[in-house]
Amino acid sequence: GWWLPGGGVDKGETTQAAVVRELREEAGLIVRGEPRLLSVHSNERFFPGDHVLVFRIDAFDLTERTSHGEIAEIGWFHPDALPEDTTRATRARLAEIFGGVAPDPNW
């Protein structure tokens, strides 16, 4: 299925630095400016004690992605025209970001 880019925070890394690194690795995005925290979600259902942070970036450049093993394909879609197999959590986050829906505290 399709989902938003993401990943863990490495030891000694800030969450903002992790966002920049993960976007570069997974999508080939070079972030310009500071990522802005939008929401925090509990991921207890899948990983007890885990939290997912959603950030917004306002400007980026595209380059080659550095991680090809874990990501089979990347795609850019309008929020109103997502592929059928887009994950429920991705749809929910996009509705929160673009549709004005209040953030759900659960992932």
PDB file of N, CA and C in Angstrom:
ATOM      1  N   GLY A   1       0.805  -1.186   0.000  1.00  0.00           N
ATOM      2  CA  GLY A   1       0.000   0.000   0.000  1.00  0.00           C
ATOM      3  C   GLY A   1       0.851   1.254   0.000  1.00  0.00           C
ATOM      4  N   TRP A   2       0.190   2.368  -0.071  1.00  0.00           N
ATOM      5  CA  TRP A   2       0.857   3.679  -0.068  1.00  0.00           C
ATOM      6  C   TRP A   2       0.751   4.299   1.316  1.00  0.00           C
ATOM      7  N   TRP A   3       1.834   4.909   1.775  1.00  0.00           N
ATOM      8  CA  TRP A   3       1.830   5.605   3.056  1.00  0.00           C
ATOM      9  C   TRP A   3       2.820   6.754   3.002  1.00  0.00           C
ATOM     10  N   LEU A   4       2.750   7.593   4.019  1.00  0.00           N
ATOM     11  CA  LEU A   4       3.645   8.748   4.109  1.00  0.00           C
ATOM     12  C   LEU A   4       5.057   8.289   4.445  1.00  0.00           C
ATOM     13  N   PRO A   5       6.071   9.054   4.031  1.00  0.00           N
ATOM     14  CA  PRO A   5       7.443   8.702   4.419  1.00  0.00           C
ATOM     15  C   PRO A   5       7.585   8.774   5.932  1.00  0.00           C
ATOM     16  N   GLY A   6       8.480   7.974   6.477  1.00  0.00           N
ATOM     17  CA  GLY A   6       8.683   8.009   7.916  1.00  0.00           C
ATOM     18  C   GLY A   6       9.797   7.090   8.348  1.00  0.00           C
ATOM     19  N   GLY A   7      10.077   7.140   9.630  1.00  0.00           N
ATOM     20  CA  GLY A   7      11.115   6.287  10.181  1.00  0.00           C
ATOM     21  C   GLY A   7      11.462   6.719  11.584  1.00  0.00           C
ATOM     22  N   GLY A   8      12.443   6.063  12.142  1.00  0.00           N
ATOM     23  CA  GLY A   8      12.840   6.326  13.514  1.00  0.00           C
ATOM     24  C   GLY A   8      13.830   7.465  13.655  1.00  0.00           C
ATOM     25  N   VAL A   9      13.985   7.881  14.893  1.00  0.00           N
ATOM     26  CA  VAL A   9      14.963   8.908  15.255  1.00  0.00           C
ATOM     27  C   VAL A   9      16.200   8.188  15.771  1.00  0.00           C
ATOM     28  N   ASP A  10      17.338   8.451  15.148  1.00  0.00           N
ATOM     29  CA  ASP A  10      18.590   7.822  15.568  1.00  0.00           C
ATOM     30  C   ASP A  10      19.087   8.418  16.881  1.00  0.00           C
ATOM     31  N   LYS A  11      19.878   7.653  17.614  1.00  0.00           N
ATOM     32  CA  LYS A  11      20.453   8.122  18.876  1.00  0.00           C
ATOM     33  C   LYS A  11      21.226   9.419  18.631  1.00  0.00           C
ATOM     34  N   GLY A  12      20.939  10.436  19.454  1.00  0.00           N
ATOM     35  CA  GLY A  12      21.601  11.727  19.348  1.00  0.00           C
ATOM     36  C   GLY A  12      21.037  12.632  18.265  1.00  0.00           C
ATOM     37  N   GLU A  13      19.989  12.193  17.582  1.00  0.00           N
ATOM     38  CA  GLU A  13      19.399  12.953  16.479  1.00  0.00           C
ATOM     39  C   GLU A  13      18.142  13.668  16.965  1.00  0.00           C
ATOM     40  N   THR A  14      17.916  14.884  16.515  1.00  0.00           N
ATOM     41  CA  THR A  14      16.665  15.574  16.831  1.00  0.00           C
ATOM     42  C   THR A  14      15.561  15.047  15.916  1.00  0.00           C
ATOM     43  N   THR A  15      14.317  15.280  16.310  1.00  0.00           N
ATOM     44  CA  THR A  15      13.212  14.843  15.449  1.00  0.00           C
ATOM     45  C   THR A  15      13.246  15.580  14.113  1.00  0.00           C
ATOM     46  N   GLN A  16      13.590  16.869  14.128  1.00  0.00           N
ATOM     47  CA  GLN A  16      13.674  17.626  12.879  1.00  0.00           C
ATOM     48  C   GLN A  16      14.763  17.067  11.967  1.00  0.00           C
ATOM     49  N   ALA A  17      15.905  16.704  12.534  1.00  0.00           N
ATOM     50  CA  ALA A  17      16.987  16.117  11.736  1.00  0.00           C
ATOM     51  C   ALA A  17      16.560  14.763  11.172  1.00  0.00           C
ATOM     52  N   ALA A  18      15.789  13.997  11.939  1.00  0.00           N
ATOM     53  CA  ALA A  18      15.294  12.705  11.457  1.00  0.00           C
ATOM     54  C   ALA A  18      14.349  12.895  10.271  1.00  0.00           C
ATOM     55  N   VAL A  19      13.491  13.910  10.339  1.00  0.00           N
ATOM     56  CA  VAL A  19      12.586  14.212   9.223  1.00  0.00           C
ATOM     57  C   VAL A  19      13.392  14.501   7.962  1.00  0.00           C
ATOM     58  N   VAL A  20      14.376  15.369   8.086  1.00  0.00           N
ATOM     59  CA  VAL A  20      15.208  15.743   6.939  1.00  0.00           C
ATOM     60  C   VAL A  20      15.904  14.508   6.367  1.00  0.00           C
ATOM     61  N   ARG A  21      16.475  13.675   7.227  1.00  0.00           N
ATOM     62  CA  ARG A  21      17.193  12.472   6.786  1.00  0.00           C
ATOM     63  C   ARG A  21      16.254  11.476   6.115  1.00  0.00           C
ATOM     64  N   GLU A  22      15.123  11.188   6.758  1.00  0.00           N
ATOM     65  CA  GLU A  22      14.190  10.201   6.209  1.00  0.00           C
ATOM     66  C   GLU A  22      13.627  10.642   4.856  1.00  0.00           C
ATOM     67  N   LEU A  23      13.298  11.921   4.714  1.00  0.00           N
ATOM     68  CA  LEU A  23      12.775  12.403   3.436  1.00  0.00           C
ATOM     69  C   LEU A  23      13.821  12.307   2.332  1.00  0.00           C
ATOM     70  N   ARG A  24      15.068  12.560   2.681  1.00  0.00           N
ATOM     71  CA  ARG A  24      16.163  12.431   1.701  1.00  0.00           C
ATOM     72  C   ARG A  24      16.337  10.971   1.302  1.00  0.00           C
ATOM     73  N   GLU A  25      16.374  10.088   2.302  1.00  0.00           N
ATOM     74  CA  GLU A  25      16.593   8.666   2.034  1.00  0.00           C
ATOM     75  C   GLU A  25      15.443   8.040   1.246  1.00  0.00           C
ATOM     76  N   GLU A  26      14.216   8.292   1.686  1.00  0.00           N
ATOM     77  CA  GLU A  26      13.064   7.579   1.140  1.00  0.00           C
ATOM     78  C   GLU A  26      12.458   8.215  -0.097  1.00  0.00           C
ATOM     79  N   ALA A  27      12.515   9.543  -0.197  1.00  0.00           N
ATOM     80  CA  ALA A  27      11.821  10.218  -1.297  1.00  0.00           C
ATOM     81  C   ALA A  27      12.723  11.100  -2.148  1.00  0.00           C
ATOM     82  N   GLY A  28      13.984  11.261  -1.768  1.00  0.00           N
ATOM     83  CA  GLY A  28      14.871  12.124  -2.535  1.00  0.00           C
ATOM     84  C   GLY A  28      14.568  13.599  -2.362  1.00  0.00           C
ATOM     85  N   LEU A  29      13.960  13.976  -1.239  1.00  0.00           N
ATOM     86  CA  LEU A  29      13.660  15.380  -0.971  1.00  0.00           C
ATOM     87  C   LEU A  29      14.788  16.011  -0.172  1.00  0.00           C
ATOM     88  N   ILE A  30      15.223  17.173  -0.605  1.00  0.00           N
ATOM     89  CA  ILE A  30      16.158  17.978   0.169  1.00  0.00           C
ATOM     90  C   ILE A  30      15.332  19.114   0.758  1.00  0.00           C
ATOM     91  N   VAL A  31      15.134  19.056   2.056  1.00  0.00           N
ATOM     92  CA  VAL A  31      14.271  20.011   2.751  1.00  0.00           C
ATOM     93  C   VAL A  31      14.951  21.365   2.821  1.00  0.00           C
ATOM     94  N   ARG A  32      14.199  22.400   2.461  1.00  0.00           N
ATOM     95  CA  ARG A  32      14.656  23.779   2.643  1.00  0.00           C
ATOM     96  C   ARG A  32      13.805  24.380   3.760  1.00  0.00           C
ATOM     97  N   GLY A  33      14.459  24.931   4.758  1.00  0.00           N
ATOM     98  CA  GLY A  33      13.729  25.462   5.904  1.00  0.00           C
ATOM     99  C   GLY A  33      13.604  24.416   6.995  1.00  0.00           C
ATOM    100  N   GLU A  34      12.946  24.800   8.046  1.00  0.00           N
ATOM    101  CA  GLU A  34      12.800  23.951   9.234  1.00  0.00           C
ATOM    102  C   GLU A  34      11.481  23.179   9.182  1.00  0.00           C
ATOM    103  N   PRO A  35      11.506  21.853   9.358  1.00  0.00           N
ATOM    104  CA  PRO A  35      10.252  21.102   9.450  1.00  0.00           C
ATOM    105  C   PRO A  35       9.428  21.604  10.645  1.00  0.00           C
ATOM    106  N   ARG A  36       8.108  21.707  10.449  1.00  0.00           N
ATOM    107  CA  ARG A  36       7.223  22.229  11.491  1.00  0.00           C
ATOM    108  C   ARG A  36       6.323  21.105  12.007  1.00  0.00           C
ATOM    109  N   LEU A  37       6.347  20.883  13.319  1.00  0.00           N
ATOM    110  CA  LEU A  37       5.532  19.836  13.936  1.00  0.00           C
ATOM    111  C   LEU A  37       4.051  20.199  13.839  1.00  0.00           C
ATOM    112  N   LEU A  38       3.251  19.266  13.302  1.00  0.00           N
ATOM    113  CA  LEU A  38       1.812  19.487  13.185  1.00  0.00           C
ATOM    114  C   LEU A  38       1.011  18.715  14.220  1.00  0.00           C
ATOM    115  N   SER A  39       1.415  17.466  14.482  1.00  0.00           N
ATOM    116  CA  SER A  39       0.622  16.642  15.396  1.00  0.00           C
ATOM    117  C   SER A  39       1.446  15.477  15.926  1.00  0.00           C
ATOM    118  N   VAL A  40       0.975  14.935  17.051  1.00  0.00           N
ATOM    119  CA  VAL A  40       1.602  13.772  17.687  1.00  0.00           C
ATOM    120  C   VAL A  40       0.511  12.726  17.882  1.00  0.00           C
ATOM    121  N   HIS A  41       0.830  11.465  17.536  1.00  0.00           N
ATOM    122  CA  HIS A  41      -0.151  10.386  17.589  1.00  0.00           C
ATOM    123  C   HIS A  41       0.423   9.189  18.332  1.00  0.00           C
ATOM    124  N   SER A  42      -0.394   8.565  19.161  1.00  0.00           N
ATOM    125  CA  SER A  42      -0.002   7.332  19.841  1.00  0.00           C
ATOM    126  C   SER A  42      -0.139   6.166  18.865  1.00  0.00           C
ATOM    127  N   ASN A  43       0.867   5.305  18.846  1.00  0.00           N
ATOM    128  CA  ASN A  43       0.850   4.136  17.966  1.00  0.00           C
ATOM    129  C   ASN A  43       0.788   2.850  18.793  1.00  0.00           C
ATOM    130  N   GLU A  44       0.109   2.909  19.934  1.00  0.00           N
ATOM    131  CA  GLU A  44       0.022   1.782  20.871  1.00  0.00           C
ATOM    132  C   GLU A  44      -0.514   0.512  20.226  1.00  0.00           C
ATOM    133  N   ARG A  45      -1.415   0.650  19.285  1.00  0.00           N
ATOM    134  CA  ARG A  45      -2.052  -0.515  18.666  1.00  0.00           C
ATOM    135  C   ARG A  45      -1.027  -1.414  17.973  1.00  0.00           C
ATOM    136  N   PHE A  46      -0.036  -0.814  17.359  1.00  0.00           N
ATOM    137  CA  PHE A  46       0.956  -1.586  16.610  1.00  0.00           C
ATOM    138  C   PHE A  46       2.282  -1.735  17.343  1.00  0.00           C
ATOM    139  N   PHE A  47       2.692  -0.685  18.062  1.00  0.00           N
ATOM    140  CA  PHE A  47       3.975  -0.696  18.763  1.00  0.00           C
ATOM    141  C   PHE A  47       3.800  -0.027  20.121  1.00  0.00           C
ATOM    142  N   PRO A  48       3.591  -0.797  21.191  1.00  0.00           N
ATOM    143  CA  PRO A  48       3.392  -0.209  22.521  1.00  0.00           C
ATOM    144  C   PRO A  48       4.509   0.772  22.883  1.00  0.00           C
ATOM    145  N   GLY A  49       4.105   1.950  23.348  1.00  0.00           N
ATOM    146  CA  GLY A  49       5.048   2.986  23.743  1.00  0.00           C
ATOM    147  C   GLY A  49       5.518   3.869  22.607  1.00  0.00           C
ATOM    148  N   ASP A  50       5.093   3.563  21.373  1.00  0.00           N
ATOM    149  CA  ASP A  50       5.542   4.313  20.194  1.00  0.00           C
ATOM    150  C   ASP A  50       4.633   5.510  19.938  1.00  0.00           C
ATOM    151  N   HIS A  51       5.245   6.597  19.500  1.00  0.00           N
ATOM    152  CA  HIS A  51       4.505   7.786  19.090  1.00  0.00           C
ATOM    153  C   HIS A  51       4.960   8.189  17.696  1.00  0.00           C
ATOM    154  N   VAL A  52       4.024   8.696  16.904  1.00  0.00           N
ATOM    155  CA  VAL A  52       4.315   9.148  15.549  1.00  0.00           C
ATOM    156  C   VAL A  52       4.105  10.654  15.511  1.00  0.00           C
ATOM    157  N   LEU A  53       5.107  11.373  15.026  1.00  0.00           N
ATOM    158  CA  LEU A  53       5.035  12.820  14.889  1.00  0.00           C
ATOM    159  C   LEU A  53       4.863  13.155  13.417  1.00  0.00           C
ATOM    160  N   VAL A  54       3.949  14.068  13.115  1.00  0.00           N
ATOM    161  CA  VAL A  54       3.715  14.497  11.737  1.00  0.00           C
ATOM    162  C   VAL A  54       4.256  15.913  11.591  1.00  0.00           C
ATOM    163  N   PHE A  55       5.126  16.075  10.617  1.00  0.00           N
ATOM    164  CA  PHE A  55       5.740  17.369  10.338  1.00  0.00           C
ATOM    165  C   PHE A  55       5.293  17.875   8.979  1.00  0.00           C
ATOM    166  N   ARG A  56       5.373  19.175   8.807  1.00  0.00           N
ATOM    167  CA  ARG A  56       5.111  19.812   7.514  1.00  0.00           C
ATOM    168  C   ARG A  56       6.396  20.476   7.050  1.00  0.00           C
ATOM    169  N   ILE A  57       6.668  20.332   5.765  1.00  0.00           N
ATOM    170  CA  ILE A  57       7.759  21.094   5.159  1.00  0.00           C
ATOM    171  C   ILE A  57       7.134  21.950   4.069  1.00  0.00           C
ATOM    172  N   ASP A  58       7.610  23.165   3.937  1.00  0.00           N
ATOM    173  CA  ASP A  58       7.012  24.092   2.979  1.00  0.00           C
ATOM    174  C   ASP A  58       7.804  24.236   1.692  1.00  0.00           C
ATOM    175  N   ALA A  59       9.073  23.822   1.695  1.00  0.00           N
ATOM    176  CA  ALA A  59       9.888  23.961   0.487  1.00  0.00           C
ATOM    177  C   ALA A  59      10.906  22.829   0.435  1.00  0.00           C
ATOM    178  N   PHE A  60      11.127  22.327  -0.773  1.00  0.00           N
ATOM    179  CA  PHE A  60      12.102  21.245  -0.943  1.00  0.00           C
ATOM    180  C   PHE A  60      12.581  21.210  -2.385  1.00  0.00           C
ATOM    181  N   ASP A  61      13.703  20.554  -2.576  1.00  0.00           N
ATOM    182  CA  ASP A  61      14.229  20.242  -3.898  1.00  0.00           C
ATOM    183  C   ASP A  61      14.231  18.728  -4.031  1.00  0.00           C
ATOM    184  N   LEU A  62      14.162  18.240  -5.263  1.00  0.00           N
ATOM    185  CA  LEU A  62      14.201  16.802  -5.508  1.00  0.00           C
ATOM    186  C   LEU A  62      15.568  16.374  -6.005  1.00  0.00           C
ATOM    187  N   THR A  63      16.009  15.222  -5.536  1.00  0.00           N
ATOM    188  CA  THR A  63      17.257  14.618  -5.970  1.00  0.00           C
ATOM    189  C   THR A  63      17.070  13.106  -5.947  1.00  0.00           C
ATOM    190  N   GLU A  64      18.125  12.371  -6.190  1.00  0.00           N
ATOM    191  CA  GLU A  64      18.048  10.910  -6.100  1.00  0.00           C
ATOM    192  C   GLU A  64      17.854  10.494  -4.646  1.00  0.00           C
ATOM    193  N   ARG A  65      16.983   9.545  -4.415  1.00  0.00           N
ATOM    194  CA  ARG A  65      16.845   9.036  -3.054  1.00  0.00           C
ATOM    195  C   ARG A  65      18.013   8.106  -2.757  1.00  0.00           C
ATOM    196  N   THR A  66      18.358   8.021  -1.497  1.00  0.00           N
ATOM    197  CA  THR A  66      19.540   7.252  -1.109  1.00  0.00           C
ATOM    198  C   THR A  66      19.208   5.857  -0.616  1.00  0.00           C
ATOM    199  N   SER A  67      17.948   5.581  -0.310  1.00  0.00           N
ATOM    200  CA  SER A  67      17.544   4.264   0.185  1.00  0.00           C
ATOM    201  C   SER A  67      16.613   3.626  -0.835  1.00  0.00           C
ATOM    202  N   HIS A  68      17.094   2.583  -1.486  1.00  0.00           N
ATOM    203  CA  HIS A  68      16.268   1.918  -2.486  1.00  0.00           C
ATOM    204  C   HIS A  68      15.749   0.572  -1.996  1.00  0.00           C
ATOM    205  N   GLY A  69      16.324   0.032  -0.938  1.00  0.00           N
ATOM    206  CA  GLY A  69      15.954  -1.297  -0.473  1.00  0.00           C
ATOM    207  C   GLY A  69      14.614  -1.382   0.219  1.00  0.00           C
ATOM    208  N   GLU A  70      14.285  -0.395   1.050  1.00  0.00           N
ATOM    209  CA  GLU A  70      13.067  -0.507   1.849  1.00  0.00           C
ATOM    210  C   GLU A  70      11.845   0.114   1.182  1.00  0.00           C
ATOM    211  N   ILE A  71      12.037   0.924   0.159  1.00  0.00           N
ATOM    212  CA  ILE A  71      10.932   1.597  -0.523  1.00  0.00           C
ATOM    213  C   ILE A  71      10.879   1.101  -1.965  1.00  0.00           C
ATOM    214  N   ALA A  72       9.782   0.431  -2.329  1.00  0.00           N
ATOM    215  CA  ALA A  72       9.671  -0.125  -3.680  1.00  0.00           C
ATOM    216  C   ALA A  72       9.367   0.953  -4.716  1.00  0.00           C
ATOM    217  N   GLU A  73       8.561   1.943  -4.331  1.00  0.00           N
ATOM    218  CA  GLU A  73       8.114   2.940  -5.299  1.00  0.00           C
ATOM    219  C   GLU A  73       7.686   4.199  -4.553  1.00  0.00           C
ATOM    220  N   ILE A  74       7.912   5.353  -5.168  1.00  0.00           N
ATOM    221  CA  ILE A  74       7.393   6.599  -4.608  1.00  0.00           C
ATOM    222  C   ILE A  74       6.423   7.199  -5.620  1.00  0.00           C
ATOM    223  N   GLY A  75       5.469   7.969  -5.121  1.00  0.00           N
ATOM    224  CA  GLY A  75       4.496   8.603  -6.001  1.00  0.00           C
ATOM    225  C   GLY A  75       3.967   9.877  -5.377  1.00  0.00           C
ATOM    226  N   TRP A  76       3.539  10.777  -6.228  1.00  0.00           N
ATOM    227  CA  TRP A  76       2.963  12.050  -5.801  1.00  0.00           C
ATOM    228  C   TRP A  76       1.511  12.057  -6.255  1.00  0.00           C
ATOM    229  N   PHE A  77       0.596  12.268  -5.313  1.00  0.00           N
ATOM    230  CA  PHE A  77      -0.825  12.198  -5.618  1.00  0.00           C
ATOM    231  C   PHE A  77      -1.547  13.389  -4.998  1.00  0.00           C
ATOM    232  N   HIS A  78      -2.573  13.861  -5.665  1.00  0.00           N
ATOM    233  CA  HIS A  78      -3.435  14.886  -5.091  1.00  0.00           C
ATOM    234  C   HIS A  78      -4.205  14.236  -3.939  1.00  0.00           C
ATOM    235  N   PRO A  79      -4.421  14.957  -2.832  1.00  0.00           N
ATOM    236  CA  PRO A  79      -5.138  14.365  -1.690  1.00  0.00           C
ATOM    237  C   PRO A  79      -6.536  13.842  -2.036  1.00  0.00           C
ATOM    238  N   ASP A  80      -7.141  14.373  -3.091  1.00  0.00           N
ATOM    239  CA  ASP A  80      -8.471  13.911  -3.497  1.00  0.00           C
ATOM    240  C   ASP A  80      -8.420  12.765  -4.506  1.00  0.00           C
ATOM    241  N   ALA A  81      -7.212  12.326  -4.877  1.00  0.00           N
ATOM    242  CA  ALA A  81      -7.074  11.268  -5.884  1.00  0.00           C
ATOM    243  C   ALA A  81      -6.029  10.244  -5.446  1.00  0.00           C
ATOM    244  N   LEU A  82      -6.169   9.746  -4.228  1.00  0.00           N
ATOM    245  CA  LEU A  82      -5.212   8.775  -3.697  1.00  0.00           C
ATOM    246  C   LEU A  82      -5.485   7.382  -4.265  1.00  0.00           C
ATOM    247  N   PRO A  83      -4.438   6.576  -4.441  1.00  0.00           N
ATOM    248  CA  PRO A  83      -4.646   5.193  -4.874  1.00  0.00           C
ATOM    249  C   PRO A  83      -5.509   4.434  -3.861  1.00  0.00           C
ATOM    250  N   GLU A  84      -6.227   3.430  -4.342  1.00  0.00           N
ATOM    251  CA  GLU A  84      -7.129   2.663  -3.475  1.00  0.00           C
ATOM    252  C   GLU A  84      -6.422   2.040  -2.283  1.00  0.00           C
ATOM    253  N   ASP A  85      -5.170   1.625  -2.472  1.00  0.00           N
ATOM    254  CA  ASP A  85      -4.465   0.930  -1.392  1.00  0.00           C
ATOM    255  C   ASP A  85      -3.654   1.864  -0.491  1.00  0.00           C
ATOM    256  N   THR A  86      -4.043   3.144  -0.452  1.00  0.00           N
ATOM    257  CA  THR A  86      -3.441   4.080   0.500  1.00  0.00           C
ATOM    258  C   THR A  86      -3.905   3.693   1.901  1.00  0.00           C
ATOM    259  N   THR A  87      -2.980   3.654   2.853  1.00  0.00           N
ATOM    260  CA  THR A  87      -3.328   3.199   4.195  1.00  0.00           C
ATOM    261  C   THR A  87      -4.328   4.134   4.882  1.00  0.00           C
ATOM    262  N   ARG A  88      -5.084   3.555   5.805  1.00  0.00           N
ATOM    263  CA  ARG A  88      -6.073   4.327   6.564  1.00  0.00           C
ATOM    264  C   ARG A  88      -5.418   5.480   7.307  1.00  0.00           C
ATOM    265  N   ALA A  89      -4.261   5.212   7.938  1.00  0.00           N
ATOM    266  CA  ALA A  89      -3.573   6.257   8.701  1.00  0.00           C
ATOM    267  C   ALA A  89      -3.105   7.387   7.787  1.00  0.00           C
ATOM    268  N   THR A  90      -2.623   7.057   6.602  1.00  0.00           N
ATOM    269  CA  THR A  90      -2.197   8.092   5.654  1.00  0.00           C
ATOM    270  C   THR A  90      -3.386   8.934   5.225  1.00  0.00           C
ATOM    271  N   ARG A  91      -4.500   8.295   4.928  1.00  0.00           N
ATOM    272  CA  ARG A  91      -5.708   9.045   4.555  1.00  0.00           C
ATOM    273  C   ARG A  91      -6.150   9.973   5.694  1.00  0.00           C
ATOM    274  N   ALA A  92      -6.089   9.471   6.921  1.00  0.00           N
ATOM    275  CA  ALA A  92      -6.491  10.280   8.078  1.00  0.00           C
ATOM    276  C   ALA A  92      -5.578  11.486   8.246  1.00  0.00           C
ATOM    277  N   ARG A  93      -4.253  11.276   8.126  1.00  0.00           N
ATOM    278  CA  ARG A  93      -3.323  12.390   8.293  1.00  0.00           C
ATOM    279  C   ARG A  93      -3.524  13.437   7.199  1.00  0.00           C
ATOM    280  N   LEU A  94      -3.730  13.013   5.968  1.00  0.00           N
ATOM    281  CA  LEU A  94      -3.948  13.967   4.874  1.00  0.00           C
ATOM    282  C   LEU A  94      -5.248  14.735   5.068  1.00  0.00           C
ATOM    283  N   ALA A  95      -6.287  14.080   5.593  1.00  0.00           N
ATOM    284  CA  ALA A  95      -7.543  14.773   5.892  1.00  0.00           C
ATOM    285  C   ALA A  95      -7.330  15.815   6.985  1.00  0.00           C
ATOM    286  N   GLU A  96      -6.481  15.498   7.948  1.00  0.00           N
ATOM    287  CA  GLU A  96      -6.172  16.459   9.011  1.00  0.00           C
ATOM    288  C   GLU A  96      -5.402  17.651   8.455  1.00  0.00           C
ATOM    289  N   ILE A  97      -4.445  17.380   7.580  1.00  0.00           N
ATOM    290  CA  ILE A  97      -3.592  18.440   7.042  1.00  0.00           C
ATOM    291  C   ILE A  97      -4.334  19.302   6.030  1.00  0.00           C
ATOM    292  N   PHE A  98      -5.015  18.670   5.080  1.00  0.00           N
ATOM    293  CA  PHE A  98      -5.618  19.411   3.971  1.00  0.00           C
ATOM    294  C   PHE A  98      -7.117  19.622   4.110  1.00  0.00           C
ATOM    295  N   GLY A  99      -7.778  18.812   4.937  1.00  0.00           N
ATOM    296  CA  GLY A  99      -9.227  18.895   5.034  1.00  0.00           C
ATOM    297  C   GLY A  99      -9.750  19.581   6.268  1.00  0.00           C
ATOM    298  N   GLY A 100      -8.850  20.050   7.129  1.00  0.00           N
ATOM    299  CA  GLY A 100      -9.281  20.745   8.324  1.00  0.00           C
ATOM    300  C   GLY A 100      -9.865  19.843   9.397  1.00  0.00           C
ATOM    301  N   VAL A 101      -9.645  18.538   9.288  1.00  0.00           N
ATOM    302  CA  VAL A 101     -10.133  17.596  10.289  1.00  0.00           C
ATOM    303  C   VAL A 101      -9.227  17.677  11.520  1.00  0.00           C
ATOM    304  N   ALA A 102      -9.827  17.653  12.713  1.00  0.00           N
ATOM    305  CA  ALA A 102      -9.032  17.697  13.949  1.00  0.00           C
ATOM    306  C   ALA A 102      -8.155  16.451  14.043  1.00  0.00           C
ATOM    307  N   PRO A 103      -6.887  16.602  14.472  1.00  0.00           N
ATOM    308  CA  PRO A 103      -5.995  15.441  14.582  1.00  0.00           C
ATOM    309  C   PRO A 103      -6.515  14.403  15.576  1.00  0.00           C
ATOM    310  N   ASP A 104      -6.475  13.146  15.166  1.00  0.00           N
ATOM    311  CA  ASP A 104      -6.829  12.020  16.024  1.00  0.00           C
ATOM    312  C   ASP A 104      -5.602  11.706  16.878  1.00  0.00           C
ATOM    313  N   PRO A 105      -5.736  11.566  18.191  1.00  0.00           N
ATOM    314  CA  PRO A 105      -4.562  11.278  19.017  1.00  0.00           C
ATOM    315  C   PRO A 105      -3.977   9.885  18.767  1.00  0.00           C
ATOM    316  N   ASN A 106      -4.741   9.014  18.114  1.00  0.00           N
ATOM    317  CA  ASN A 106      -4.264   7.663  17.804  1.00  0.00           C
ATOM    318  C   ASN A 106      -3.889   7.558  16.333  1.00  0.00           C
ATOM    319  N   TRP A 107      -2.819   6.828  16.072  1.00  0.00           N
ATOM    320  CA  TRP A 107      -2.360   6.644  14.705  1.00  0.00           C
ATOM    321  C   TRP A 107      -3.357   5.784  13.947  1.00  0.00           C
TER     322      TRP A 107
END
